[in-house]
Amino acid sequence: MPEEKDNIWAMEHRHSVRRYTEEPLSPAEVEALSLAIARANDASGLALRLVTDEPRAFDSLLAHYGKFQNVRNYVVVAGPKGRDLQELAGYFGEKIVLLATRLGLGSCWVGGTFRRRSVAGQVAPGHKLACVIALGHGAEPGRPHRSKSIEELSNTHGLVMPDWFQHGMQAAALAPTALNQQHFLFTLGRDRQTVTAQSTGGPMSMIDLGIAELHFELASGHAVSGSAPARATGPAAPASRTR
């Protein structure tokens, strides 16, 4: 299966998992995740880091309140302080989440229900922690959540949605967001080619925006103009696709 279809499959099948088995990540899984993280860091300037077999970050009352169990592996999502950090964290962190899904692993974006002191040592001086991504072999598959309609999440200026834009919005609607709030809006330009996206506010909304932007780009083949990932990686757009 080509990588493009792999990613579409992963978006459709990824659901947040909070309970994990004690099975460790295999050497092959660690290698694949580590390679993807290195590529994401090179492209973004972030400092994502895979931490394995480390239970302390999620061994707290706060984590148990968040219904996390047996979390021993996670990705630290951090980077240089700045206005683009959270959006980049969402975009490039979701690349790791989709890979984890393709590897058969469960995952969950986590903004606050973990022990920050245990994670702080993984963050370089001058960098800021955006969030962590719990991952591992799920004890349960996770459940889908209701999504807003693509019409609620987009503005087309009254124009009929091109097929590629519709495919992108369907993927963006599948993006995980804090509290399932989906506080983002994609706008189709009057030229029917340019796409912009913005947060409409809320906790972790800029991370959520980055996640949704990645989903949109992977499914549509069109880049989101003016986004933090576009600024970080340059003007090149994803290859166009027809569906």
C-alpha atoms as a PDB file:
ATOM      1  CA  MET A   1       0.000   0.000   0.000  1.00  0.00           C
ATOM      2  CA  PRO A   2       1.531   3.372  -0.997  1.00  0.00           C
ATOM      3  CA  GLU A   3       2.390   5.763   1.826  1.00  0.00           C
ATOM      4  CA  GLU A   4      -0.393   8.160   0.770  1.00  0.00           C
ATOM      5  CA  LYS A   5      -3.033   5.466   1.279  1.00  0.00           C
ATOM      6  CA  ASP A   6      -1.287   4.371   4.480  1.00  0.00           C
ATOM      7  CA  ASN A   7      -1.729   7.867   5.895  1.00  0.00           C
ATOM      8  CA  ILE A   8      -5.391   8.080   4.873  1.00  0.00           C
ATOM      9  CA  TRP A   9      -5.971   4.693   6.515  1.00  0.00           C
ATOM     10  CA  ALA A  10      -4.170   5.857   9.669  1.00  0.00           C
ATOM     11  CA  MET A  11      -6.281   9.018   9.913  1.00  0.00           C
ATOM     12  CA  GLU A  12      -9.460   6.977   9.634  1.00  0.00           C
ATOM     13  CA  HIS A  13      -8.390   4.332  12.172  1.00  0.00           C
ATOM     14  CA  ARG A  14      -6.525   6.413  14.772  1.00  0.00           C
ATOM     15  CA  HIS A  15      -8.456   6.894  18.030  1.00  0.00           C
ATOM     16  CA  SER A  16      -7.077   8.111  21.357  1.00  0.00           C
ATOM     17  CA  VAL A  17      -5.848   5.273  23.581  1.00  0.00           C
ATOM     18  CA  ARG A  18      -5.232   5.831  27.314  1.00  0.00           C
ATOM     19  CA  ARG A  19      -4.775   2.261  28.543  1.00  0.00           C
ATOM     20  CA  TYR A  20      -1.770   0.204  27.456  1.00  0.00           C
ATOM     21  CA  THR A  21      -0.405  -3.290  27.951  1.00  0.00           C
ATOM     22  CA  GLU A  22       3.001  -3.985  29.492  1.00  0.00           C
ATOM     23  CA  GLU A  23       4.386  -5.185  26.149  1.00  0.00           C
ATOM     24  CA  PRO A  24       7.468  -3.081  25.351  1.00  0.00           C
ATOM     25  CA  LEU A  25       8.074  -1.428  22.019  1.00  0.00           C
ATOM     26  CA  SER A  26      10.026  -3.741  19.736  1.00  0.00           C
ATOM     27  CA  PRO A  27      13.457  -2.712  18.415  1.00  0.00           C
ATOM     28  CA  ALA A  28      11.908  -2.318  14.952  1.00  0.00           C
ATOM     29  CA  GLU A  29       9.174  -0.036  16.317  1.00  0.00           C
ATOM     30  CA  VAL A  30      11.702   2.075  18.221  1.00  0.00           C
ATOM     31  CA  GLU A  31      13.885   2.352  15.119  1.00  0.00           C
ATOM     32  CA  ALA A  32      10.984   3.416  12.882  1.00  0.00           C
ATOM     33  CA  LEU A  33       9.731   5.998  15.376  1.00  0.00           C
ATOM     34  CA  SER A  34      13.223   7.350  16.045  1.00  0.00           C
ATOM     35  CA  LEU A  35      13.920   7.774  12.330  1.00  0.00           C
ATOM     36  CA  ALA A  36      10.627   9.609  11.793  1.00  0.00           C
ATOM     37  CA  ILE A  37      11.330  11.854  14.786  1.00  0.00           C
ATOM     38  CA  ALA A  38      14.787  12.712  13.453  1.00  0.00           C
ATOM     39  CA  ARG A  39      13.266  13.667  10.102  1.00  0.00           C
ATOM     40  CA  ALA A  40      10.579  15.772  11.779  1.00  0.00           C
ATOM     41  CA  ASN A  41      13.175  17.600  13.867  1.00  0.00           C
ATOM     42  CA  ASP A  42      15.326  18.298  10.808  1.00  0.00           C
ATOM     43  CA  ALA A  43      12.357  19.692   8.880  1.00  0.00           C
ATOM     44  CA  SER A  44      10.846  21.769  11.678  1.00  0.00           C
ATOM     45  CA  GLY A  45      13.602  22.852  14.052  1.00  0.00           C
ATOM     46  CA  LEU A  46      11.686  21.178  16.885  1.00  0.00           C
ATOM     47  CA  ALA A  47      13.203  18.849  19.474  1.00  0.00           C
ATOM     48  CA  LEU A  48      10.896  15.835  19.601  1.00  0.00           C
ATOM     49  CA  ARG A  49      12.305  12.965  21.641  1.00  0.00           C
ATOM     50  CA  LEU A  50      11.152   9.378  22.107  1.00  0.00           C
ATOM     51  CA  VAL A  51      11.260   8.146  25.709  1.00  0.00           C
ATOM     52  CA  THR A  52      10.802   4.409  26.282  1.00  0.00           C
ATOM     53  CA  ASP A  53      10.197   2.239  29.346  1.00  0.00           C
ATOM     54  CA  GLU A  54       9.772   5.258  31.639  1.00  0.00           C
ATOM     55  CA  PRO A  55       6.618   5.053  33.801  1.00  0.00           C
ATOM     56  CA  ARG A  56       7.144   8.043  36.113  1.00  0.00           C
ATOM     57  CA  ALA A  57       5.686  10.719  33.831  1.00  0.00           C
ATOM     58  CA  PHE A  58       2.267   9.084  34.016  1.00  0.00           C
ATOM     59  CA  ASP A  59       2.516   7.671  37.544  1.00  0.00           C
ATOM     60  CA  SER A  60       0.596  10.389  39.352  1.00  0.00           C
ATOM     61  CA  LEU A  61      -2.878  11.158  40.643  1.00  0.00           C
ATOM     62  CA  LEU A  62      -3.321  13.605  37.782  1.00  0.00           C
ATOM     63  CA  ALA A  63      -2.576  10.911  35.206  1.00  0.00           C
ATOM     64  CA  HIS A  64      -4.930   8.480  36.926  1.00  0.00           C
ATOM     65  CA  TYR A  65      -7.580  11.210  36.933  1.00  0.00           C
ATOM     66  CA  GLY A  66      -7.058  11.387  33.174  1.00  0.00           C
ATOM     67  CA  LYS A  67      -7.670   7.601  33.063  1.00  0.00           C
ATOM     68  CA  PHE A  68      -4.162   6.778  31.832  1.00  0.00           C
ATOM     69  CA  GLN A  69      -2.870   3.307  32.656  1.00  0.00           C
ATOM     70  CA  ASN A  70       0.484   1.652  31.961  1.00  0.00           C
ATOM     71  CA  VAL A  71       1.952   4.529  29.949  1.00  0.00           C
ATOM     72  CA  ARG A  72       5.662   3.715  29.721  1.00  0.00           C
ATOM     73  CA  ASN A  73       6.499   5.229  26.338  1.00  0.00           C
ATOM     74  CA  TYR A  74       5.926   8.748  25.106  1.00  0.00           C
ATOM     75  CA  VAL A  75       7.199  11.424  22.759  1.00  0.00           C
ATOM     76  CA  VAL A  76       8.319  14.702  24.296  1.00  0.00           C
ATOM     77  CA  VAL A  77       7.149  17.490  21.976  1.00  0.00           C
ATOM     78  CA  ALA A  78       9.286  20.562  22.611  1.00  0.00           C
ATOM     79  CA  GLY A  79      11.174  23.217  20.706  1.00  0.00           C
ATOM     80  CA  PRO A  80      12.490  26.775  20.688  1.00  0.00           C
ATOM     81  CA  LYS A  81      10.181  29.283  22.334  1.00  0.00           C
ATOM     82  CA  GLY A  82       8.201  31.317  19.832  1.00  0.00           C
ATOM     83  CA  ARG A  83       4.794  31.976  18.343  1.00  0.00           C
ATOM     84  CA  ASP A  84       4.986  28.993  15.972  1.00  0.00           C
ATOM     85  CA  LEU A  85       5.902  26.340  18.541  1.00  0.00           C
ATOM     86  CA  GLN A  86       2.458  24.898  19.201  1.00  0.00           C
ATOM     87  CA  GLU A  87       1.326  24.846  15.586  1.00  0.00           C
ATOM     88  CA  LEU A  88       4.560  23.141  14.533  1.00  0.00           C
ATOM     89  CA  ALA A  89       4.211  20.725  17.457  1.00  0.00           C
ATOM     90  CA  GLY A  90       0.787  19.651  16.240  1.00  0.00           C
ATOM     91  CA  TYR A  91       1.783  19.299  12.595  1.00  0.00           C
ATOM     92  CA  PHE A  92       5.008  17.368  13.084  1.00  0.00           C
ATOM     93  CA  GLY A  93       3.856  15.473  16.173  1.00  0.00           C
ATOM     94  CA  GLU A  94       0.890  14.129  14.224  1.00  0.00           C
ATOM     95  CA  LYS A  95       3.314  12.689  11.675  1.00  0.00           C
ATOM     96  CA  ILE A  96       4.609  10.486  14.501  1.00  0.00           C
ATOM     97  CA  VAL A  97       1.074   9.625  15.620  1.00  0.00           C
ATOM     98  CA  LEU A  98       0.095   8.490  12.123  1.00  0.00           C
ATOM     99  CA  LEU A  99       3.234   6.371  11.870  1.00  0.00           C
ATOM    100  CA  ALA A 100       2.483   4.814  15.266  1.00  0.00           C
ATOM    101  CA  THR A 101      -0.999   3.945  14.017  1.00  0.00           C
ATOM    102  CA  ARG A 102       0.442   2.327  10.891  1.00  0.00           C
ATOM    103  CA  LEU A 103       2.750   0.295  13.144  1.00  0.00           C
ATOM    104  CA  GLY A 104      -0.264  -0.978  15.084  1.00  0.00           C
ATOM    105  CA  LEU A 105       0.408   1.166  18.167  1.00  0.00           C
ATOM    106  CA  GLY A 106      -2.041   3.231  20.177  1.00  0.00           C
ATOM    107  CA  SER A 107      -1.402   6.870  21.009  1.00  0.00           C
ATOM    108  CA  CYS A 108      -2.879   9.894  22.742  1.00  0.00           C
ATOM    109  CA  TRP A 109      -2.060  13.603  22.684  1.00  0.00           C
ATOM    110  CA  VAL A 110      -1.628  14.830  26.273  1.00  0.00           C
ATOM    111  CA  GLY A 111      -1.558  18.488  27.256  1.00  0.00           C
ATOM    112  CA  GLY A 112      -1.474  18.416  31.031  1.00  0.00           C
ATOM    113  CA  THR A 113      -2.351  15.147  32.784  1.00  0.00           C
ATOM    114  CA  PHE A 114       1.235  14.007  33.311  1.00  0.00           C
ATOM    115  CA  ARG A 115       4.037  14.748  35.785  1.00  0.00           C
ATOM    116  CA  ARG A 116       5.872  17.691  34.231  1.00  0.00           C
ATOM    117  CA  ARG A 117       8.880  17.393  36.529  1.00  0.00           C
ATOM    118  CA  SER A 118       9.597  13.929  35.148  1.00  0.00           C
ATOM    119  CA  VAL A 119       9.517  15.269  31.593  1.00  0.00           C
ATOM    120  CA  ALA A 120      11.384  18.529  32.230  1.00  0.00           C
ATOM    121  CA  GLY A 121      14.765  16.794  32.118  1.00  0.00           C
ATOM    122  CA  GLN A 122      14.072  15.796  28.512  1.00  0.00           C
ATOM    123  CA  VAL A 123      13.693  19.444  27.436  1.00  0.00           C
ATOM    124  CA  ALA A 124      16.823  21.360  26.417  1.00  0.00           C
ATOM    125  CA  PRO A 125      17.639  24.766  27.955  1.00  0.00           C
ATOM    126  CA  GLY A 126      15.944  27.544  26.022  1.00  0.00           C
ATOM    127  CA  HIS A 127      13.282  25.182  24.732  1.00  0.00           C
ATOM    128  CA  LYS A 128       9.674  24.920  25.849  1.00  0.00           C
ATOM    129  CA  LEU A 129       7.549  21.824  26.352  1.00  0.00           C
ATOM    130  CA  ALA A 130       4.417  21.939  24.193  1.00  0.00           C
ATOM    131  CA  CYS A 131       2.879  18.582  25.144  1.00  0.00           C
ATOM    132  CA  VAL A 132       3.624  14.868  25.110  1.00  0.00           C
ATOM    133  CA  ILE A 133       2.267  12.000  23.041  1.00  0.00           C
ATOM    134  CA  ALA A 134       1.627   8.769  24.945  1.00  0.00           C
ATOM    135  CA  LEU A 135       2.078   5.637  22.857  1.00  0.00           C
ATOM    136  CA  GLY A 136       2.422   1.888  23.107  1.00  0.00           C
ATOM    137  CA  HIS A 137       0.491  -1.319  22.621  1.00  0.00           C
ATOM    138  CA  GLY A 138      -3.095  -0.471  23.434  1.00  0.00           C
ATOM    139  CA  ALA A 139      -5.087  -2.487  25.948  1.00  0.00           C
ATOM    140  CA  GLU A 140      -8.169  -1.250  24.106  1.00  0.00           C
ATOM    141  CA  PRO A 141      -8.680   0.082  20.584  1.00  0.00           C
ATOM    142  CA  GLY A 142     -10.073   3.491  21.500  1.00  0.00           C
ATOM    143  CA  ARG A 143     -13.390   4.850  20.288  1.00  0.00           C
ATOM    144  CA  PRO A 144     -14.331   7.295  17.531  1.00  0.00           C
ATOM    145  CA  HIS A 145     -15.869  10.631  18.497  1.00  0.00           C
ATOM    146  CA  ARG A 146     -18.483  12.678  16.726  1.00  0.00           C
ATOM    147  CA  SER A 147     -17.111  15.343  14.412  1.00  0.00           C
ATOM    148  CA  LYS A 148     -18.531  18.613  13.194  1.00  0.00           C
ATOM    149  CA  SER A 149     -19.593  18.727   9.567  1.00  0.00           C
ATOM    150  CA  ILE A 150     -17.030  19.929   7.043  1.00  0.00           C
ATOM    151  CA  GLU A 151     -19.334  22.862   6.315  1.00  0.00           C
ATOM    152  CA  GLU A 152     -19.006  23.974   9.954  1.00  0.00           C
ATOM    153  CA  LEU A 153     -15.220  23.749   9.761  1.00  0.00           C
ATOM    154  CA  SER A 154     -14.734  25.609   6.487  1.00  0.00           C
ATOM    155  CA  ASN A 155     -15.523  28.816   4.619  1.00  0.00           C
ATOM    156  CA  THR A 156     -15.748  28.618   0.826  1.00  0.00           C
ATOM    157  CA  HIS A 157     -17.196  32.107   0.201  1.00  0.00           C
ATOM    158  CA  GLY A 158     -20.294  30.390  -1.163  1.00  0.00           C
ATOM    159  CA  LEU A 159     -18.299  28.536  -3.818  1.00  0.00           C
ATOM    160  CA  VAL A 160     -18.827  24.848  -4.514  1.00  0.00           C
ATOM    161  CA  MET A 161     -16.084  22.826  -2.824  1.00  0.00           C
ATOM    162  CA  PRO A 162     -13.575  21.346  -5.280  1.00  0.00           C
ATOM    163  CA  ASP A 163     -13.158  17.608  -4.765  1.00  0.00           C
ATOM    164  CA  TRP A 164      -9.623  18.036  -3.396  1.00  0.00           C
ATOM    165  CA  PHE A 165     -10.834  20.584  -0.830  1.00  0.00           C
ATOM    166  CA  GLN A 166     -13.658  18.287   0.250  1.00  0.00           C
ATOM    167  CA  HIS A 167     -11.220  15.382   0.698  1.00  0.00           C
ATOM    168  CA  GLY A 168      -8.927  17.646   2.722  1.00  0.00           C
ATOM    169  CA  MET A 169     -11.756  18.794   4.965  1.00  0.00           C
ATOM    170  CA  GLN A 170     -12.963  15.247   5.556  1.00  0.00           C
ATOM    171  CA  ALA A 171      -9.462  14.399   6.780  1.00  0.00           C
ATOM    172  CA  ALA A 172      -9.216  17.577   8.881  1.00  0.00           C
ATOM    173  CA  ALA A 173     -12.502  16.647  10.571  1.00  0.00           C
ATOM    174  CA  LEU A 174     -10.829  13.411  11.727  1.00  0.00           C
ATOM    175  CA  ALA A 175      -7.967  15.280  13.416  1.00  0.00           C
ATOM    176  CA  PRO A 176      -7.750  14.760  17.196  1.00  0.00           C
ATOM    177  CA  THR A 177      -8.389  17.954  19.158  1.00  0.00           C
ATOM    178  CA  ALA A 178      -8.419  18.862  22.851  1.00  0.00           C
ATOM    179  CA  LEU A 179     -11.801  18.054  24.391  1.00  0.00           C
ATOM    180  CA  ASN A 180     -12.960  17.206  20.852  1.00  0.00           C
ATOM    181  CA  GLN A 181     -13.528  20.953  20.401  1.00  0.00           C
ATOM    182  CA  GLN A 182     -12.452  21.264  16.721  1.00  0.00           C
ATOM    183  CA  HIS A 183     -11.772  24.988  17.072  1.00  0.00           C
ATOM    184  CA  PHE A 184     -10.318  25.607  13.627  1.00  0.00           C
ATOM    185  CA  LEU A 185     -11.527  27.025  10.323  1.00  0.00           C
ATOM    186  CA  PHE A 186     -10.204  26.390   6.801  1.00  0.00           C
ATOM    187  CA  THR A 187     -10.911  29.030   4.157  1.00  0.00           C
ATOM    188  CA  LEU A 188     -10.907  28.437   0.407  1.00  0.00           C
ATOM    189  CA  GLY A 189      -9.780  31.503  -1.523  1.00  0.00           C
ATOM    190  CA  ARG A 190     -11.921  32.988  -4.256  1.00  0.00           C
ATOM    191  CA  ASP A 191      -9.359  31.670  -6.758  1.00  0.00           C
ATOM    192  CA  ARG A 192     -10.456  28.148  -5.690  1.00  0.00           C
ATOM    193  CA  GLN A 193      -6.791  27.225  -5.144  1.00  0.00           C
ATOM    194  CA  THR A 194      -5.481  29.086  -2.097  1.00  0.00           C
ATOM    195  CA  VAL A 195      -6.265  27.628   1.331  1.00  0.00           C
ATOM    196  CA  THR A 196      -5.678  29.280   4.690  1.00  0.00           C
ATOM    197  CA  ALA A 197      -6.477  28.010   8.182  1.00  0.00           C
ATOM    198  CA  GLN A 198      -6.907  29.601  11.584  1.00  0.00           C
ATOM    199  CA  SER A 199      -7.661  28.725  15.170  1.00  0.00           C
ATOM    200  CA  THR A 200     -10.948  29.923  16.617  1.00  0.00           C
ATOM    201  CA  GLY A 201      -9.621  29.770  20.195  1.00  0.00           C
ATOM    202  CA  GLY A 202      -9.637  27.339  23.087  1.00  0.00           C
ATOM    203  CA  PRO A 203      -7.128  25.232  25.060  1.00  0.00           C
ATOM    204  CA  MET A 204      -4.353  23.740  22.927  1.00  0.00           C
ATOM    205  CA  SER A 205      -6.085  25.152  19.856  1.00  0.00           C
ATOM    206  CA  MET A 206      -2.849  25.992  18.021  1.00  0.00           C
ATOM    207  CA  ILE A 207      -1.613  22.416  18.478  1.00  0.00           C
ATOM    208  CA  ASP A 208      -4.984  21.242  17.186  1.00  0.00           C
ATOM    209  CA  LEU A 209      -4.657  23.582  14.194  1.00  0.00           C
ATOM    210  CA  GLY A 210      -1.291  22.075  13.256  1.00  0.00           C
ATOM    211  CA  ILE A 211      -2.729  18.558  13.459  1.00  0.00           C
ATOM    212  CA  ALA A 212      -5.676  19.517  11.252  1.00  0.00           C
ATOM    213  CA  GLU A 213      -3.370  21.223   8.735  1.00  0.00           C
ATOM    214  CA  LEU A 214      -1.339  18.038   8.322  1.00  0.00           C
ATOM    215  CA  HIS A 215      -4.479  15.968   7.783  1.00  0.00           C
ATOM    216  CA  PHE A 216      -5.758  18.456   5.209  1.00  0.00           C
ATOM    217  CA  GLU A 217      -2.497  18.539   3.267  1.00  0.00           C
ATOM    218  CA  LEU A 218      -2.030  14.769   3.220  1.00  0.00           C
ATOM    219  CA  ALA A 219      -5.555  14.156   1.930  1.00  0.00           C
ATOM    220  CA  SER A 220      -5.856  17.080  -0.490  1.00  0.00           C
ATOM    221  CA  GLY A 221      -2.352  17.422  -1.908  1.00  0.00           C
ATOM    222  CA  HIS A 222      -2.585  21.189  -1.363  1.00  0.00           C
ATOM    223  CA  ALA A 223      -0.487  23.188   1.097  1.00  0.00           C
ATOM    224  CA  VAL A 224      -2.057  25.540   3.638  1.00  0.00           C
ATOM    225  CA  SER A 225      -0.812  29.044   2.845  1.00  0.00           C
ATOM    226  CA  GLY A 226       0.755  31.142   5.590  1.00  0.00           C
ATOM    227  CA  SER A 227       0.909  28.316   8.130  1.00  0.00           C
ATOM    228  CA  ALA A 228       3.751  27.793  10.584  1.00  0.00           C
ATOM    229  CA  PRO A 229       4.777  24.548   8.821  1.00  0.00           C
ATOM    230  CA  ALA A 230       4.902  26.429   5.506  1.00  0.00           C
ATOM    231  CA  ARG A 231       7.166  29.049   7.075  1.00  0.00           C
ATOM    232  CA  ALA A 232       9.396  26.359   8.594  1.00  0.00           C
ATOM    233  CA  THR A 233       9.792  24.195   5.510  1.00  0.00           C
ATOM    234  CA  GLY A 234       9.644  26.761   2.703  1.00  0.00           C
ATOM    235  CA  PRO A 235       7.197  27.364  -0.126  1.00  0.00           C
ATOM    236  CA  ALA A 236       7.175  23.882  -1.656  1.00  0.00           C
ATOM    237  CA  ALA A 237       3.683  22.373  -1.657  1.00  0.00           C
ATOM    238  CA  PRO A 238       2.706  18.715  -1.424  1.00  0.00           C
ATOM    239  CA  ALA A 239       2.315  16.958  -4.752  1.00  0.00           C
ATOM    240  CA  SER A 240      -1.145  17.471  -6.218  1.00  0.00           C
ATOM    241  CA  ARG A 241      -3.375  14.457  -6.338  1.00  0.00           C
ATOM    242  CA  THR A 242      -6.538  13.549  -8.162  1.00  0.00           C
ATOM    243  CA  ARG A 243      -9.286  11.520  -6.584  1.00  0.00           C
END
